[in-house]
Amino acid sequence: MAEETTQVEEKGMAALETLAEPTVVEATAPAEPKIDEHGRSYATGRRKNAIARVWLKRGSGRITVNGRDVTTYFARPVLQMILQQPFEVAERKDEFDVVATVVGGGLSGQAGAVRHGISRALTYFEPGLRPALKAGGFMTRDPRVVERKKYGKAKARRSFQFSKR
């Protein structure tokens, strides 16, 4: 019995020693930038029912949405601020020109979709920016959408007015 425990202990120690040896882990090469022949990176952004197609290239910081300047398309300063957030987090303000086309949804959803697209296009242009943008929450598509209307209800949850008599 004592011999068996010493053999098991020896085997256990040998197994632990092999585990303690340093293992060589190959470092993965940084991801390659995805840039087309025109020097642009392309990404799709989504929010609610809005879908944005975003092209990003080096430039002076101009943002064009559906052929119009961002200040005319998104007139509210809050929506303009939403579009600038990825550049501020990545510390790349006024370094890229953005051309976006957006369909569906309202202005708030469209602004969120363009922001999502800008963030993804930035990571395609410079893969090293991904950790900062991911930590800021810009890489995750916001999954919240409008709840569907149910039968027997006025809206998704609103009931019709109750009448006792």
N, C-alpha and C. Protein backbone atom coordinates (compact mmCIF):
# COMPACT_ATOMS: atom_id res chain seq x y z
N MET A 1 0.82 -1.20 0.00
CA MET A 1 0.00 0.00 0.00
C MET A 1 0.86 1.26 0.00
N ALA A 2 1.91 1.25 0.81
CA ALA A 2 2.79 2.40 0.89
C ALA A 2 3.55 2.58 -0.41
N GLU A 3 3.88 1.44 -1.07
CA GLU A 3 4.60 1.53 -2.34
C GLU A 3 3.73 2.17 -3.41
N GLU A 4 2.42 1.85 -3.40
CA GLU A 4 1.52 2.40 -4.40
C GLU A 4 1.39 3.92 -4.25
N THR A 5 1.30 4.40 -3.01
CA THR A 5 1.17 5.84 -2.81
C THR A 5 2.43 6.58 -3.24
N THR A 6 3.60 6.00 -3.01
CA THR A 6 4.84 6.67 -3.44
C THR A 6 4.93 6.69 -4.96
N GLN A 7 4.48 5.61 -5.62
CA GLN A 7 4.50 5.60 -7.08
C GLN A 7 3.55 6.65 -7.65
N VAL A 8 2.37 6.75 -7.02
CA VAL A 8 1.40 7.75 -7.47
C VAL A 8 1.94 9.15 -7.24
N GLU A 9 2.61 9.34 -6.09
CA GLU A 9 3.18 10.66 -5.80
C GLU A 9 4.27 11.01 -6.80
N GLU A 10 5.10 10.00 -7.17
CA GLU A 10 6.16 10.25 -8.13
C GLU A 10 5.58 10.61 -9.50
N LYS A 11 4.53 9.88 -9.90
CA LYS A 11 3.89 10.16 -11.18
C LYS A 11 3.24 11.54 -11.16
N GLY A 12 2.63 11.85 -10.03
CA GLY A 12 1.98 13.16 -9.91
C GLY A 12 3.00 14.29 -9.98
N MET A 13 4.16 14.08 -9.33
CA MET A 13 5.19 15.11 -9.36
C MET A 13 5.76 15.26 -10.76
N ALA A 14 5.92 14.14 -11.48
CA ALA A 14 6.44 14.21 -12.84
C ALA A 14 5.45 14.96 -13.74
N ALA A 15 4.16 14.70 -13.53
CA ALA A 15 3.15 15.39 -14.33
C ALA A 15 3.15 16.89 -14.02
N LEU A 16 3.31 17.23 -12.74
CA LEU A 16 3.36 18.63 -12.37
C LEU A 16 4.57 19.33 -12.96
N GLU A 17 5.72 18.62 -12.98
CA GLU A 17 6.93 19.22 -13.54
C GLU A 17 6.78 19.51 -15.03
N THR A 18 6.08 18.58 -15.73
CA THR A 18 5.88 18.85 -17.17
C THR A 18 4.95 20.03 -17.37
N LEU A 19 4.00 20.20 -16.45
CA LEU A 19 3.11 21.35 -16.56
C LEU A 19 3.83 22.64 -16.24
N ALA A 20 4.81 22.55 -15.32
CA ALA A 20 5.51 23.76 -14.89
C ALA A 20 6.48 24.27 -15.95
N GLU A 21 6.85 23.41 -16.93
CA GLU A 21 7.76 23.86 -17.95
C GLU A 21 7.10 24.96 -18.78
N PRO A 22 7.86 25.99 -19.12
CA PRO A 22 7.25 27.08 -19.88
C PRO A 22 6.83 26.61 -21.28
N THR A 23 5.63 26.95 -21.63
CA THR A 23 5.14 26.59 -22.95
C THR A 23 5.33 27.79 -23.87
N VAL A 24 5.75 27.50 -25.08
CA VAL A 24 5.98 28.55 -26.06
C VAL A 24 4.67 28.81 -26.79
N VAL A 25 4.18 30.03 -26.66
CA VAL A 25 2.95 30.43 -27.34
C VAL A 25 3.33 31.43 -28.42
N GLU A 26 2.96 31.11 -29.65
CA GLU A 26 3.28 32.02 -30.74
C GLU A 26 2.36 33.22 -30.69
N ALA A 27 2.96 34.38 -30.78
CA ALA A 27 2.16 35.60 -30.78
C ALA A 27 1.48 35.73 -32.13
N THR A 28 0.18 36.05 -32.08
CA THR A 28 -0.53 36.23 -33.34
C THR A 28 -0.15 37.57 -33.95
N ALA A 29 0.04 37.55 -35.23
CA ALA A 29 0.40 38.78 -35.93
C ALA A 29 -0.78 39.74 -35.89
N PRO A 30 -0.52 41.03 -35.80
CA PRO A 30 -1.63 41.98 -35.81
C PRO A 30 -2.42 41.84 -37.10
N ALA A 31 -3.72 42.06 -36.98
CA ALA A 31 -4.60 41.90 -38.13
C ALA A 31 -4.21 42.89 -39.22
N GLU A 32 -4.36 42.45 -40.44
CA GLU A 32 -4.04 43.30 -41.59
C GLU A 32 -5.14 44.33 -41.80
N PRO A 33 -4.80 45.55 -42.13
CA PRO A 33 -5.84 46.54 -42.46
C PRO A 33 -6.59 46.13 -43.71
N LYS A 34 -7.90 46.42 -43.72
CA LYS A 34 -8.73 46.13 -44.89
C LYS A 34 -9.01 47.44 -45.60
N ILE A 35 -8.16 47.77 -46.56
CA ILE A 35 -8.27 49.03 -47.28
C ILE A 35 -8.36 48.72 -48.77
N ASP A 36 -9.31 49.35 -49.49
CA ASP A 36 -9.47 49.08 -50.92
C ASP A 36 -8.48 49.91 -51.74
N GLU A 37 -8.57 49.79 -53.07
CA GLU A 37 -7.61 50.47 -53.96
C GLU A 37 -7.72 51.99 -53.91
N HIS A 38 -8.84 52.51 -53.38
CA HIS A 38 -9.02 53.96 -53.27
C HIS A 38 -8.56 54.49 -51.91
N GLY A 39 -8.01 53.63 -51.06
CA GLY A 39 -7.54 54.04 -49.74
C GLY A 39 -8.65 54.17 -48.73
N ARG A 40 -9.76 53.44 -48.96
CA ARG A 40 -10.91 53.52 -48.06
C ARG A 40 -11.11 52.18 -47.35
N SER A 41 -11.71 52.27 -46.17
CA SER A 41 -12.19 51.05 -45.51
C SER A 41 -13.70 51.16 -45.42
N TYR A 42 -14.38 50.01 -45.57
CA TYR A 42 -15.84 49.98 -45.61
C TYR A 42 -16.37 49.15 -44.46
N ALA A 43 -17.46 49.62 -43.86
CA ALA A 43 -18.12 48.85 -42.80
C ALA A 43 -19.61 49.16 -42.81
N THR A 44 -20.37 48.24 -42.25
CA THR A 44 -21.81 48.40 -42.10
C THR A 44 -22.13 48.57 -40.63
N GLY A 45 -22.96 49.55 -40.31
CA GLY A 45 -23.39 49.76 -38.94
C GLY A 45 -24.90 49.62 -38.84
N ARG A 46 -25.37 49.11 -37.71
CA ARG A 46 -26.81 48.92 -37.53
C ARG A 46 -27.23 49.40 -36.15
N ARG A 47 -28.47 49.93 -36.08
CA ARG A 47 -29.08 50.35 -34.82
C ARG A 47 -30.57 50.44 -35.05
N LYS A 48 -31.37 49.79 -34.20
CA LYS A 48 -32.82 49.71 -34.38
C LYS A 48 -33.11 49.23 -35.80
N ASN A 49 -33.86 50.00 -36.59
CA ASN A 49 -34.14 49.59 -37.97
C ASN A 49 -33.25 50.29 -38.98
N ALA A 50 -32.28 51.04 -38.53
CA ALA A 50 -31.41 51.80 -39.43
C ALA A 50 -30.19 50.98 -39.82
N ILE A 51 -29.80 51.09 -41.08
CA ILE A 51 -28.61 50.42 -41.59
C ILE A 51 -27.76 51.48 -42.28
N ALA A 52 -26.50 51.57 -41.87
CA ALA A 52 -25.58 52.57 -42.44
C ALA A 52 -24.43 51.88 -43.14
N ARG A 53 -24.15 52.33 -44.35
CA ARG A 53 -22.95 51.90 -45.06
C ARG A 53 -21.95 53.04 -44.96
N VAL A 54 -20.76 52.73 -44.44
CA VAL A 54 -19.79 53.79 -44.11
C VAL A 54 -18.47 53.52 -44.82
N TRP A 55 -17.96 54.54 -45.52
CA TRP A 55 -16.63 54.50 -46.12
C TRP A 55 -15.76 55.52 -45.38
N LEU A 56 -14.55 55.10 -45.03
CA LEU A 56 -13.65 55.93 -44.23
C LEU A 56 -12.32 56.04 -44.96
N LYS A 57 -11.80 57.26 -45.09
CA LYS A 57 -10.47 57.44 -45.68
C LYS A 57 -9.79 58.63 -45.03
N ARG A 58 -8.48 58.67 -45.17
CA ARG A 58 -7.71 59.78 -44.60
C ARG A 58 -8.17 61.09 -45.21
N GLY A 59 -8.26 62.12 -44.37
CA GLY A 59 -8.71 63.41 -44.87
C GLY A 59 -8.69 64.46 -43.79
N SER A 60 -9.63 65.41 -43.92
CA SER A 60 -9.65 66.57 -43.02
C SER A 60 -10.74 66.52 -41.97
N GLY A 61 -11.51 65.44 -41.90
CA GLY A 61 -12.54 65.34 -40.87
C GLY A 61 -13.94 65.64 -41.37
N ARG A 62 -14.15 65.69 -42.70
CA ARG A 62 -15.49 65.95 -43.23
C ARG A 62 -16.34 64.70 -43.11
N ILE A 63 -17.59 64.88 -42.67
CA ILE A 63 -18.54 63.78 -42.58
C ILE A 63 -19.73 64.11 -43.47
N THR A 64 -20.03 63.20 -44.40
CA THR A 64 -21.14 63.38 -45.32
C THR A 64 -22.10 62.21 -45.13
N VAL A 65 -23.38 62.53 -44.92
CA VAL A 65 -24.40 61.50 -44.73
C VAL A 65 -25.46 61.69 -45.80
N ASN A 66 -25.67 60.67 -46.60
CA ASN A 66 -26.65 60.70 -47.70
C ASN A 66 -26.46 61.91 -48.61
N GLY A 67 -25.19 62.24 -48.89
CA GLY A 67 -24.88 63.34 -49.80
C GLY A 67 -24.98 64.72 -49.17
N ARG A 68 -25.33 64.81 -47.90
CA ARG A 68 -25.45 66.11 -47.22
C ARG A 68 -24.44 66.19 -46.08
N ASP A 69 -24.07 67.41 -45.73
CA ASP A 69 -23.15 67.61 -44.62
C ASP A 69 -23.79 67.14 -43.32
N VAL A 70 -22.97 66.70 -42.38
CA VAL A 70 -23.51 66.14 -41.13
C VAL A 70 -24.29 67.18 -40.34
N THR A 71 -23.91 68.47 -40.44
CA THR A 71 -24.61 69.49 -39.65
C THR A 71 -26.01 69.76 -40.19
N THR A 72 -26.24 69.49 -41.48
CA THR A 72 -27.58 69.67 -42.01
C THR A 72 -28.42 68.40 -41.86
N TYR A 73 -27.79 67.23 -42.01
CA TYR A 73 -28.56 65.99 -41.89
C TYR A 73 -28.94 65.71 -40.44
N PHE A 74 -27.95 65.77 -39.55
CA PHE A 74 -28.19 65.61 -38.11
C PHE A 74 -28.08 66.99 -37.48
N ALA A 75 -29.20 67.71 -37.43
CA ALA A 75 -29.19 69.10 -36.98
C ALA A 75 -28.96 69.20 -35.47
N ARG A 76 -29.42 68.22 -34.70
CA ARG A 76 -29.26 68.29 -33.25
C ARG A 76 -27.80 68.05 -32.86
N PRO A 77 -27.26 68.88 -31.97
CA PRO A 77 -25.85 68.72 -31.56
C PRO A 77 -25.57 67.37 -30.90
N VAL A 78 -26.57 66.80 -30.23
CA VAL A 78 -26.36 65.50 -29.57
C VAL A 78 -26.07 64.43 -30.61
N LEU A 79 -26.78 64.45 -31.73
CA LEU A 79 -26.56 63.45 -32.77
C LEU A 79 -25.19 63.65 -33.42
N GLN A 80 -24.77 64.89 -33.59
CA GLN A 80 -23.44 65.15 -34.14
C GLN A 80 -22.36 64.67 -33.18
N MET A 81 -22.61 64.83 -31.87
CA MET A 81 -21.66 64.37 -30.86
C MET A 81 -21.53 62.85 -30.90
N ILE A 82 -22.66 62.16 -31.13
CA ILE A 82 -22.63 60.70 -31.21
C ILE A 82 -21.70 60.23 -32.32
N LEU A 83 -21.70 60.94 -33.46
CA LEU A 83 -20.85 60.56 -34.58
C LEU A 83 -19.37 60.81 -34.30
N GLN A 84 -19.07 61.78 -33.45
CA GLN A 84 -17.68 62.12 -33.16
C GLN A 84 -17.05 61.22 -32.09
N GLN A 85 -17.88 60.50 -31.32
CA GLN A 85 -17.37 59.72 -30.19
C GLN A 85 -16.28 58.71 -30.57
N PRO A 86 -16.43 57.91 -31.63
CA PRO A 86 -15.35 56.96 -31.94
C PRO A 86 -14.03 57.63 -32.25
N PHE A 87 -14.06 58.79 -32.91
CA PHE A 87 -12.82 59.49 -33.22
C PHE A 87 -12.16 60.04 -31.96
N GLU A 88 -12.98 60.51 -31.01
CA GLU A 88 -12.42 61.05 -29.77
C GLU A 88 -11.78 59.96 -28.93
N VAL A 89 -12.44 58.81 -28.85
CA VAL A 89 -11.88 57.70 -28.08
C VAL A 89 -10.59 57.20 -28.71
N ALA A 90 -10.57 57.13 -30.05
CA ALA A 90 -9.39 56.65 -30.77
C ALA A 90 -8.33 57.72 -30.94
N GLU A 91 -8.63 58.95 -30.50
CA GLU A 91 -7.73 60.09 -30.64
C GLU A 91 -7.34 60.31 -32.10
N ARG A 92 -8.33 60.28 -32.97
CA ARG A 92 -8.13 60.49 -34.41
C ARG A 92 -9.07 61.57 -34.94
N LYS A 93 -9.32 62.58 -34.13
CA LYS A 93 -10.24 63.64 -34.52
C LYS A 93 -9.67 64.41 -35.71
N ASP A 94 -10.51 64.70 -36.69
CA ASP A 94 -10.16 65.46 -37.90
C ASP A 94 -9.05 64.80 -38.72
N GLU A 95 -8.95 63.47 -38.67
CA GLU A 95 -7.96 62.76 -39.49
C GLU A 95 -8.61 61.97 -40.61
N PHE A 96 -9.93 61.73 -40.52
CA PHE A 96 -10.59 60.88 -41.50
C PHE A 96 -11.81 61.58 -42.08
N ASP A 97 -12.04 61.35 -43.37
CA ASP A 97 -13.28 61.77 -44.02
C ASP A 97 -14.22 60.58 -44.03
N VAL A 98 -15.50 60.84 -43.77
CA VAL A 98 -16.51 59.79 -43.70
C VAL A 98 -17.58 60.07 -44.74
N VAL A 99 -17.91 59.06 -45.52
CA VAL A 99 -19.05 59.12 -46.44
C VAL A 99 -19.97 57.99 -46.03
N ALA A 100 -21.21 58.33 -45.68
CA ALA A 100 -22.15 57.32 -45.20
C ALA A 100 -23.47 57.45 -45.92
N THR A 101 -24.10 56.31 -46.17
CA THR A 101 -25.47 56.28 -46.65
C THR A 101 -26.29 55.50 -45.64
N VAL A 102 -27.42 56.06 -45.23
CA VAL A 102 -28.24 55.46 -44.18
C VAL A 102 -29.65 55.28 -44.70
N VAL A 103 -30.26 54.14 -44.38
CA VAL A 103 -31.66 53.89 -44.72
C VAL A 103 -32.35 53.32 -43.49
N GLY A 104 -33.64 53.62 -43.36
CA GLY A 104 -34.46 53.04 -42.31
C GLY A 104 -34.34 53.77 -40.99
N GLY A 105 -35.34 53.57 -40.14
CA GLY A 105 -35.32 54.12 -38.80
C GLY A 105 -35.49 55.62 -38.76
N GLY A 106 -35.32 56.19 -37.57
CA GLY A 106 -35.40 57.63 -37.36
C GLY A 106 -34.01 58.20 -37.23
N LEU A 107 -33.94 59.48 -36.91
CA LEU A 107 -32.64 60.15 -36.84
C LEU A 107 -31.75 59.57 -35.75
N SER A 108 -32.32 59.26 -34.59
CA SER A 108 -31.51 58.73 -33.49
C SER A 108 -30.93 57.36 -33.85
N GLY A 109 -31.75 56.51 -34.42
CA GLY A 109 -31.27 55.20 -34.85
C GLY A 109 -30.24 55.31 -35.96
N GLN A 110 -30.44 56.26 -36.86
CA GLN A 110 -29.49 56.44 -37.95
C GLN A 110 -28.15 56.93 -37.42
N ALA A 111 -28.18 57.84 -36.45
CA ALA A 111 -26.92 58.33 -35.87
C ALA A 111 -26.18 57.19 -35.18
N GLY A 112 -26.91 56.34 -34.46
CA GLY A 112 -26.28 55.19 -33.82
C GLY A 112 -25.71 54.21 -34.84
N ALA A 113 -26.42 54.04 -35.97
CA ALA A 113 -25.93 53.14 -37.01
C ALA A 113 -24.66 53.68 -37.65
N VAL A 114 -24.61 54.98 -37.89
CA VAL A 114 -23.41 55.58 -38.48
C VAL A 114 -22.24 55.48 -37.51
N ARG A 115 -22.50 55.70 -36.21
CA ARG A 115 -21.44 55.57 -35.21
C ARG A 115 -20.89 54.15 -35.19
N HIS A 116 -21.78 53.16 -35.24
CA HIS A 116 -21.35 51.75 -35.27
C HIS A 116 -20.52 51.48 -36.51
N GLY A 117 -20.96 52.00 -37.65
CA GLY A 117 -20.21 51.81 -38.89
C GLY A 117 -18.85 52.49 -38.86
N ILE A 118 -18.79 53.69 -38.31
CA ILE A 118 -17.51 54.41 -38.19
C ILE A 118 -16.55 53.61 -37.33
N SER A 119 -17.05 53.08 -36.22
CA SER A 119 -16.19 52.32 -35.31
C SER A 119 -15.62 51.09 -36.00
N ARG A 120 -16.48 50.38 -36.71
CA ARG A 120 -16.01 49.17 -37.40
C ARG A 120 -15.04 49.52 -38.51
N ALA A 121 -15.31 50.61 -39.26
CA ALA A 121 -14.41 51.01 -40.33
C ALA A 121 -13.05 51.45 -39.78
N LEU A 122 -13.05 52.11 -38.62
CA LEU A 122 -11.79 52.51 -37.98
C LEU A 122 -10.95 51.29 -37.64
N THR A 123 -11.59 50.23 -37.14
CA THR A 123 -10.82 49.03 -36.79
C THR A 123 -10.32 48.32 -38.04
N TYR A 124 -11.04 48.43 -39.15
CA TYR A 124 -10.54 47.86 -40.40
C TYR A 124 -9.36 48.68 -40.92
N PHE A 125 -9.41 49.99 -40.73
CA PHE A 125 -8.34 50.87 -41.20
C PHE A 125 -7.10 50.72 -40.33
N GLU A 126 -7.31 50.74 -39.00
CA GLU A 126 -6.21 50.60 -38.04
C GLU A 126 -6.61 49.54 -37.01
N PRO A 127 -6.24 48.28 -37.21
CA PRO A 127 -6.66 47.21 -36.28
C PRO A 127 -6.22 47.44 -34.83
N GLY A 128 -5.21 48.24 -34.61
CA GLY A 128 -4.75 48.50 -33.26
C GLY A 128 -5.73 49.31 -32.42
N LEU A 129 -6.70 49.94 -33.06
CA LEU A 129 -7.67 50.77 -32.33
C LEU A 129 -8.80 49.94 -31.73
N ARG A 130 -8.90 48.66 -32.10
CA ARG A 130 -10.02 47.84 -31.67
C ARG A 130 -10.18 47.77 -30.14
N PRO A 131 -9.13 47.54 -29.34
CA PRO A 131 -9.34 47.46 -27.89
C PRO A 131 -9.94 48.73 -27.28
N ALA A 132 -9.49 49.89 -27.74
CA ALA A 132 -10.01 51.15 -27.19
C ALA A 132 -11.48 51.33 -27.57
N LEU A 133 -11.82 51.03 -28.82
CA LEU A 133 -13.21 51.19 -29.26
C LEU A 133 -14.11 50.15 -28.61
N LYS A 134 -13.60 48.95 -28.41
CA LYS A 134 -14.40 47.90 -27.77
C LYS A 134 -14.66 48.26 -26.32
N ALA A 135 -13.64 48.82 -25.65
CA ALA A 135 -13.82 49.22 -24.25
C ALA A 135 -14.84 50.35 -24.13
N GLY A 136 -14.92 51.21 -25.15
CA GLY A 136 -15.90 52.29 -25.15
C GLY A 136 -17.31 51.83 -25.49
N GLY A 137 -17.45 50.57 -25.94
CA GLY A 137 -18.76 50.03 -26.25
C GLY A 137 -19.26 50.37 -27.65
N PHE A 138 -18.34 50.79 -28.54
CA PHE A 138 -18.76 51.20 -29.87
C PHE A 138 -18.79 50.05 -30.87
N MET A 139 -18.15 48.94 -30.55
CA MET A 139 -18.09 47.82 -31.49
C MET A 139 -19.31 46.91 -31.38
N THR A 140 -20.02 46.99 -30.27
CA THR A 140 -21.16 46.11 -30.06
C THR A 140 -22.41 46.74 -30.66
N ARG A 141 -23.14 45.94 -31.45
CA ARG A 141 -24.39 46.42 -32.02
C ARG A 141 -25.42 46.45 -30.91
N ASP A 142 -26.09 47.58 -30.73
CA ASP A 142 -27.11 47.72 -29.70
C ASP A 142 -28.30 46.83 -30.09
N PRO A 143 -28.61 45.79 -29.31
CA PRO A 143 -29.64 44.83 -29.74
C PRO A 143 -31.06 45.29 -29.48
N ARG A 144 -31.24 46.43 -28.83
CA ARG A 144 -32.60 46.86 -28.48
C ARG A 144 -33.38 47.29 -29.70
N VAL A 145 -34.54 46.70 -29.88
CA VAL A 145 -35.43 47.06 -30.98
C VAL A 145 -36.83 47.21 -30.41
N VAL A 146 -37.74 47.77 -31.21
CA VAL A 146 -39.10 48.01 -30.75
C VAL A 146 -39.80 46.68 -30.54
N GLU A 147 -40.51 46.57 -29.44
CA GLU A 147 -41.26 45.35 -29.13
C GLU A 147 -42.49 45.27 -30.02
N ARG A 148 -42.81 44.06 -30.47
CA ARG A 148 -43.94 43.90 -31.39
C ARG A 148 -45.26 44.08 -30.66
N LYS A 149 -46.28 44.48 -31.42
CA LYS A 149 -47.63 44.63 -30.89
C LYS A 149 -48.24 43.25 -30.71
N LYS A 150 -48.96 43.06 -29.58
CA LYS A 150 -49.63 41.80 -29.32
C LYS A 150 -51.12 41.94 -29.60
N TYR A 151 -51.74 40.82 -29.99
CA TYR A 151 -53.18 40.85 -30.24
C TYR A 151 -53.90 41.03 -28.91
N GLY A 152 -55.06 41.70 -28.96
CA GLY A 152 -55.81 41.97 -27.73
C GLY A 152 -55.26 43.15 -26.95
N LYS A 153 -54.26 43.81 -27.47
CA LYS A 153 -53.66 44.96 -26.81
C LYS A 153 -53.66 46.14 -27.77
N ALA A 154 -53.64 47.35 -27.21
CA ALA A 154 -53.62 48.54 -28.04
C ALA A 154 -52.23 48.73 -28.67
N LYS A 155 -51.17 48.46 -27.88
CA LYS A 155 -49.80 48.52 -28.39
C LYS A 155 -49.09 47.27 -27.91
N ALA A 156 -47.80 47.33 -27.68
CA ALA A 156 -47.07 46.14 -27.26
C ALA A 156 -47.55 45.65 -25.90
N ARG A 157 -47.75 46.58 -24.96
CA ARG A 157 -48.19 46.20 -23.61
C ARG A 157 -49.42 46.95 -23.15
N ARG A 158 -49.75 48.04 -23.79
CA ARG A 158 -50.87 48.89 -23.39
C ARG A 158 -52.19 48.19 -23.66
N SER A 159 -53.01 48.08 -22.62
CA SER A 159 -54.33 47.47 -22.78
C SER A 159 -55.34 48.52 -23.18
N PHE A 160 -56.44 48.06 -23.71
CA PHE A 160 -57.53 48.98 -24.00
C PHE A 160 -58.14 49.44 -22.68
N GLN A 161 -58.80 50.61 -22.69
CA GLN A 161 -59.38 51.14 -21.46
C GLN A 161 -60.44 50.20 -20.94
N PHE A 162 -60.36 49.93 -19.64
CA PHE A 162 -61.33 49.01 -19.01
C PHE A 162 -62.61 49.76 -18.66
N SER A 163 -63.74 49.16 -18.98
CA SER A 163 -65.02 49.76 -18.66
C SER A 163 -65.80 48.77 -17.77
N LYS A 164 -66.12 49.20 -16.58
CA LYS A 164 -66.84 48.32 -15.65
C LYS A 164 -68.27 48.07 -16.13
N ARG A 165 -68.94 49.13 -16.67
CA ARG A 165 -70.32 48.97 -17.14
C ARG A 165 -70.44 49.24 -18.61
